């Protein structure tokens, strides 16, 4: 399990950082832990699964 920052997730999904923050706030992407600054970190496997699901139901 590798952890991804908000910026890395945004780049991977092709969305803005604000969108990733909203997805986390709405519990559509669940953070595994927070970094020293208090920002959420996401499991790369969970992010990949979210991307696949989102593409199946109509895109991000």
PDB file of N, CA and C in Angstrom:
ATOM      1  N   UNK A   1       0.848  -1.176   0.000  1.00  0.00           N
ATOM      2  CA  UNK A   1       0.000   0.000   0.000  1.00  0.00           C
ATOM      3  C   UNK A   1       0.888   1.232   0.000  1.00  0.00           C
ATOM      4  N   UNK A   2       0.748   2.024  -1.021  1.00  0.00           N
ATOM      5  CA  UNK A   2       1.444   3.310  -1.089  1.00  0.00           C
ATOM      6  C   UNK A   2       0.412   4.404  -0.844  1.00  0.00           C
ATOM      7  N   UNK A   3       0.820   5.432  -0.147  1.00  0.00           N
ATOM      8  CA  UNK A   3      -0.086   6.529   0.146  1.00  0.00           C
ATOM      9  C   UNK A   3       0.130   7.671  -0.830  1.00  0.00           C
ATOM     10  N   UNK A   4      -0.968   8.297  -1.222  1.00  0.00           N
ATOM     11  CA  UNK A   4      -0.933   9.390  -2.188  1.00  0.00           C
ATOM     12  C   UNK A   4      -1.441  10.671  -1.529  1.00  0.00           C
ATOM     13  N   UNK A   5      -0.830  11.788  -1.895  1.00  0.00           N
ATOM     14  CA  UNK A   5      -1.282  13.086  -1.411  1.00  0.00           C
ATOM     15  C   UNK A   5      -2.465  13.563  -2.245  1.00  0.00           C
ATOM     16  N   UNK A   6      -3.070  14.651  -1.821  1.00  0.00           N
ATOM     17  CA  UNK A   6      -4.182  15.238  -2.573  1.00  0.00           C
ATOM     18  C   UNK A   6      -3.729  15.598  -3.986  1.00  0.00           C
ATOM     19  N   UNK A   7      -2.553  16.183  -4.109  1.00  0.00           N
ATOM     20  CA  UNK A   7      -2.038  16.578  -5.425  1.00  0.00           C
ATOM     21  C   UNK A   7      -1.818  15.355  -6.318  1.00  0.00           C
ATOM     22  N   UNK A   8      -1.256  14.296  -5.768  1.00  0.00           N
ATOM     23  CA  UNK A   8      -1.022  13.083  -6.555  1.00  0.00           C
ATOM     24  C   UNK A   8      -2.338  12.453  -7.009  1.00  0.00           C
ATOM     25  N   UNK A   9      -3.323  12.448  -6.123  1.00  0.00           N
ATOM     26  CA  UNK A   9      -4.635  11.897  -6.482  1.00  0.00           C
ATOM     27  C   UNK A   9      -5.280  12.743  -7.579  1.00  0.00           C
ATOM     28  N   UNK A  10      -5.199  14.063  -7.427  1.00  0.00           N
ATOM     29  CA  UNK A  10      -5.774  14.964  -8.428  1.00  0.00           C
ATOM     30  C   UNK A  10      -5.129  14.737  -9.796  1.00  0.00           C
ATOM     31  N   UNK A  11      -3.816  14.604  -9.829  1.00  0.00           N
ATOM     32  CA  UNK A  11      -3.107  14.344 -11.087  1.00  0.00           C
ATOM     33  C   UNK A  11      -3.529  13.001 -11.690  1.00  0.00           C
ATOM     34  N   UNK A  12      -3.625  11.982 -10.848  1.00  0.00           N
ATOM     35  CA  UNK A  12      -3.985  10.649 -11.311  1.00  0.00           C
ATOM     36  C   UNK A  12      -5.404  10.619 -11.880  1.00  0.00           C
ATOM     37  N   UNK A  13      -6.326  11.311 -11.209  1.00  0.00           N
ATOM     38  CA  UNK A  13      -7.719  11.317 -11.652  1.00  0.00           C
ATOM     39  C   UNK A  13      -7.987  12.353 -12.740  1.00  0.00           C
ATOM     40  N   UNK A  14      -7.077  13.302 -12.896  1.00  0.00           N
ATOM     41  CA  UNK A  14      -7.267  14.350 -13.892  1.00  0.00           C
ATOM     42  C   UNK A  14      -8.288  15.390 -13.456  1.00  0.00           C
ATOM     43  N   UNK A  15      -8.310  15.675 -12.157  1.00  0.00           N
ATOM     44  CA  UNK A  15      -9.232  16.665 -11.608  1.00  0.00           C
ATOM     45  C   UNK A  15      -8.447  17.674 -10.780  1.00  0.00           C
ATOM     46  N   UNK A  16      -9.141  18.715 -10.325  1.00  0.00           N
ATOM     47  CA  UNK A  16      -8.503  19.717  -9.480  1.00  0.00           C
ATOM     48  C   UNK A  16      -8.415  19.215  -8.042  1.00  0.00           C
ATOM     49  N   UNK A  17      -7.482  19.789  -7.282  1.00  0.00           N
ATOM     50  CA  UNK A  17      -7.302  19.406  -5.888  1.00  0.00           C
ATOM     51  C   UNK A  17      -8.578  19.620  -5.078  1.00  0.00           C
ATOM     52  N   UNK A  18      -9.326  20.671  -5.383  1.00  0.00           N
ATOM     53  CA  UNK A  18     -10.562  20.951  -4.662  1.00  0.00           C
ATOM     54  C   UNK A  18     -11.564  19.806  -4.808  1.00  0.00           C
ATOM     55  N   UNK A  19     -11.556  19.192  -5.990  1.00  0.00           N
ATOM     56  CA  UNK A  19     -12.466  18.058  -6.236  1.00  0.00           C
ATOM     57  C   UNK A  19     -12.092  16.875  -5.345  1.00  0.00           C
ATOM     58  N   UNK A  20     -10.803  16.621  -5.189  1.00  0.00           N
ATOM     59  CA  UNK A  20     -10.348  15.519  -4.331  1.00  0.00           C
ATOM     60  C   UNK A  20     -10.745  15.798  -2.881  1.00  0.00           C
ATOM     61  N   UNK A  21     -10.581  17.038  -2.444  1.00  0.00           N
ATOM     62  CA  UNK A  21     -10.976  17.404  -1.075  1.00  0.00           C
ATOM     63  C   UNK A  21     -12.475  17.180  -0.871  1.00  0.00           C
ATOM     64  N   UNK A  22     -13.276  17.520  -1.881  1.00  0.00           N
ATOM     65  CA  UNK A  22     -14.719  17.314  -1.782  1.00  0.00           C
ATOM     66  C   UNK A  22     -15.063  15.826  -1.749  1.00  0.00           C
ATOM     67  N   UNK A  23     -14.382  15.035  -2.583  1.00  0.00           N
ATOM     68  CA  UNK A  23     -14.621  13.590  -2.577  1.00  0.00           C
ATOM     69  C   UNK A  23     -14.315  12.998  -1.205  1.00  0.00           C
ATOM     70  N   UNK A  24     -13.271  13.491  -0.566  1.00  0.00           N
ATOM     71  CA  UNK A  24     -12.910  13.003   0.772  1.00  0.00           C
ATOM     72  C   UNK A  24     -13.934  13.478   1.799  1.00  0.00           C
ATOM     73  N   UNK A  25     -14.350  14.705   1.699  1.00  0.00           N
ATOM     74  CA  UNK A  25     -15.331  15.266   2.624  1.00  0.00           C
ATOM     75  C   UNK A  25     -16.669  14.520   2.524  1.00  0.00           C
ATOM     76  N   UNK A  26     -17.028  14.107   1.306  1.00  0.00           N
ATOM     77  CA  UNK A  26     -18.282  13.386   1.082  1.00  0.00           C
ATOM     78  C   UNK A  26     -18.131  11.877   1.250  1.00  0.00           C
ATOM     79  N   UNK A  27     -16.961  11.447   1.689  1.00  0.00           N
ATOM     80  CA  UNK A  27     -16.656  10.036   1.952  1.00  0.00           C
ATOM     81  C   UNK A  27     -16.745   9.155   0.712  1.00  0.00           C
ATOM     82  N   UNK A  28     -16.464   9.738  -0.458  1.00  0.00           N
ATOM     83  CA  UNK A  28     -16.397   8.946  -1.683  1.00  0.00           C
ATOM     84  C   UNK A  28     -14.988   8.406  -1.887  1.00  0.00           C
ATOM     85  N   UNK A  29     -14.017   9.100  -1.348  1.00  0.00           N
ATOM     86  CA  UNK A  29     -12.634   8.624  -1.236  1.00  0.00           C
ATOM     87  C   UNK A  29     -12.276   8.719   0.241  1.00  0.00           C
ATOM     88  N   UNK A  30     -11.877   7.616   0.830  1.00  0.00           N
ATOM     89  CA  UNK A  30     -11.590   7.581   2.257  1.00  0.00           C
ATOM     90  C   UNK A  30     -10.076   7.667   2.471  1.00  0.00           C
ATOM     91  N   UNK A  31      -9.662   8.639   3.261  1.00  0.00           N
ATOM     92  CA  UNK A  31      -8.233   8.767   3.558  1.00  0.00           C
ATOM     93  C   UNK A  31      -7.841   7.720   4.602  1.00  0.00           C
ATOM     94  N   UNK A  32      -6.626   7.239   4.499  1.00  0.00           N
ATOM     95  CA  UNK A  32      -6.115   6.237   5.432  1.00  0.00           C
ATOM     96  C   UNK A  32      -5.500   6.878   6.663  1.00  0.00           C
ATOM     97  N   UNK A  33      -4.891   8.023   6.478  1.00  0.00           N
ATOM     98  CA  UNK A  33      -4.265   8.748   7.577  1.00  0.00           C
ATOM     99  C   UNK A  33      -4.001  10.166   7.124  1.00  0.00           C
ATOM    100  N   UNK A  34      -3.466  10.967   8.031  1.00  0.00           N
ATOM    101  CA  UNK A  34      -3.113  12.343   7.706  1.00  0.00           C
ATOM    102  C   UNK A  34      -1.612  12.528   7.821  1.00  0.00           C
ATOM    103  N   UNK A  35      -1.073  13.443   6.996  1.00  0.00           N
ATOM    104  CA  UNK A  35       0.359  13.735   7.094  1.00  0.00           C
ATOM    105  C   UNK A  35       0.605  14.697   8.249  1.00  0.00           C
ATOM    106  N   UNK A  36       1.836  15.136   8.408  1.00  0.00           N
ATOM    107  CA  UNK A  36       2.195  16.021   9.524  1.00  0.00           C
ATOM    108  C   UNK A  36       1.449  17.347   9.472  1.00  0.00           C
ATOM    109  N   UNK A  37       1.074  17.785   8.293  1.00  0.00           N
ATOM    110  CA  UNK A  37       0.346  19.054   8.135  1.00  0.00           C
ATOM    111  C   UNK A  37      -1.165  18.864   8.326  1.00  0.00           C
ATOM    112  N   UNK A  38      -1.613  17.631   8.532  1.00  0.00           N
ATOM    113  CA  UNK A  38      -3.031  17.363   8.716  1.00  0.00           C
ATOM    114  C   UNK A  38      -3.798  17.102   7.441  1.00  0.00           C
ATOM    115  N   UNK A  39      -3.090  17.025   6.308  1.00  0.00           N
ATOM    116  CA  UNK A  39      -3.738  16.753   5.025  1.00  0.00           C
ATOM    117  C   UNK A  39      -3.947  15.250   4.865  1.00  0.00           C
ATOM    118  N   UNK A  40      -5.061  14.852   4.245  1.00  0.00           N
ATOM    119  CA  UNK A  40      -5.342  13.426   4.091  1.00  0.00           C
ATOM    120  C   UNK A  40      -4.404  12.747   3.097  1.00  0.00           C
ATOM    121  N   UNK A  41      -4.142  11.467   3.371  1.00  0.00           N
ATOM    122  CA  UNK A  41      -3.358  10.616   2.479  1.00  0.00           C
ATOM    123  C   UNK A  41      -4.242   9.429   2.090  1.00  0.00           C
ATOM    124  N   UNK A  42      -4.189   9.064   0.822  1.00  0.00           N
ATOM    125  CA  UNK A  42      -5.083   8.044   0.280  1.00  0.00           C
ATOM    126  C   UNK A  42      -4.302   6.826  -0.191  1.00  0.00           C
ATOM    127  N   UNK A  43      -4.879   5.650   0.003  1.00  0.00           N
ATOM    128  CA  UNK A  43      -4.295   4.399  -0.474  1.00  0.00           C
ATOM    129  C   UNK A  43      -4.391   4.375  -1.998  1.00  0.00           C
ATOM    130  N   UNK A  44      -3.287   4.090  -2.669  1.00  0.00           N
ATOM    131  CA  UNK A  44      -3.285   4.102  -4.133  1.00  0.00           C
ATOM    132  C   UNK A  44      -4.239   3.062  -4.719  1.00  0.00           C
ATOM    133  N   UNK A  45      -4.426   1.944  -4.052  1.00  0.00           N
ATOM    134  CA  UNK A  45      -5.373   0.932  -4.521  1.00  0.00           C
ATOM    135  C   UNK A  45      -6.809   1.426  -4.475  1.00  0.00           C
ATOM    136  N   UNK A  46      -7.152   2.145  -3.405  1.00  0.00           N
ATOM    137  CA  UNK A  46      -8.498   2.711  -3.294  1.00  0.00           C
ATOM    138  C   UNK A  46      -8.748   3.758  -4.379  1.00  0.00           C
ATOM    139  N   UNK A  47      -7.732   4.558  -4.668  1.00  0.00           N
ATOM    140  CA  UNK A  47      -7.869   5.594  -5.693  1.00  0.00           C
ATOM    141  C   UNK A  47      -8.067   4.947  -7.064  1.00  0.00           C
ATOM    142  N   UNK A  48      -7.321   3.884  -7.339  1.00  0.00           N
ATOM    143  CA  UNK A  48      -7.466   3.167  -8.613  1.00  0.00           C
ATOM    144  C   UNK A  48      -8.871   2.576  -8.735  1.00  0.00           C
ATOM    145  N   UNK A  49      -9.369   1.973  -7.656  1.00  0.00           N
ATOM    146  CA  UNK A  49     -10.723   1.397  -7.678  1.00  0.00           C
ATOM    147  C   UNK A  49     -11.770   2.481  -7.894  1.00  0.00           C
ATOM    148  N   UNK A  50     -11.591   3.635  -7.247  1.00  0.00           N
ATOM    149  CA  UNK A  50     -12.539   4.736  -7.426  1.00  0.00           C
ATOM    150  C   UNK A  50     -12.552   5.197  -8.883  1.00  0.00           C
ATOM    151  N   UNK A  51     -11.373   5.315  -9.474  1.00  0.00           N
ATOM    152  CA  UNK A  51     -11.290   5.766 -10.862  1.00  0.00           C
ATOM    153  C   UNK A  51     -11.998   4.785 -11.792  1.00  0.00           C
ATOM    154  N   UNK A  52     -11.778   3.492 -11.594  1.00  0.00           N
ATOM    155  CA  UNK A  52     -12.429   2.474 -12.428  1.00  0.00           C
ATOM    156  C   UNK A  52     -13.950   2.539 -12.274  1.00  0.00           C
ATOM    157  N   UNK A  53     -14.428   2.668 -11.052  1.00  0.00           N
ATOM    158  CA  UNK A  53     -15.864   2.758 -10.807  1.00  0.00           C
ATOM    159  C   UNK A  53     -16.452   4.016 -11.445  1.00  0.00           C
ATOM    160  N   UNK A  54     -15.795   5.133 -11.256  1.00  0.00           N
ATOM    161  CA  UNK A  54     -16.287   6.394 -11.809  1.00  0.00           C
ATOM    162  C   UNK A  54     -16.357   6.338 -13.331  1.00  0.00           C
ATOM    163  N   UNK A  55     -15.371   5.718 -13.963  1.00  0.00           N
ATOM    164  CA  UNK A  55     -15.392   5.593 -15.415  1.00  0.00           C
ATOM    165  C   UNK A  55     -16.532   4.704 -15.888  1.00  0.00           C
ATOM    166  N   UNK A  56     -16.841   3.676 -15.116  1.00  0.00           N
ATOM    167  CA  UNK A  56     -17.935   2.772 -15.481  1.00  0.00           C
ATOM    168  C   UNK A  56     -19.302   3.436 -15.407  1.00  0.00           C
ATOM    169  N   UNK A  57     -19.439   4.378 -14.472  1.00  0.00           N
ATOM    170  CA  UNK A  57     -20.764   4.999 -14.292  1.00  0.00           C
ATOM    171  C   UNK A  57     -20.864   6.376 -14.966  1.00  0.00           C
ATOM    172  N   UNK A  58     -19.925   6.700 -15.822  1.00  0.00           N
ATOM    173  CA  UNK A  58     -20.085   7.919 -16.597  1.00  0.00           C
ATOM    174  C   UNK A  58     -18.980   8.925 -16.506  1.00  0.00           C
ATOM    175  N   UNK A  59     -17.904   8.619 -15.842  1.00  0.00           N
ATOM    176  CA  UNK A  59     -16.782   9.545 -15.809  1.00  0.00           C
ATOM    177  C   UNK A  59     -16.635  10.276 -14.500  1.00  0.00           C
ATOM    178  N   UNK A  60     -15.543  10.995 -14.425  1.00  0.00           N
ATOM    179  CA  UNK A  60     -15.222  11.703 -13.186  1.00  0.00           C
ATOM    180  C   UNK A  60     -15.897  13.021 -13.133  1.00  0.00           C
TER     181      UNK A  60
END
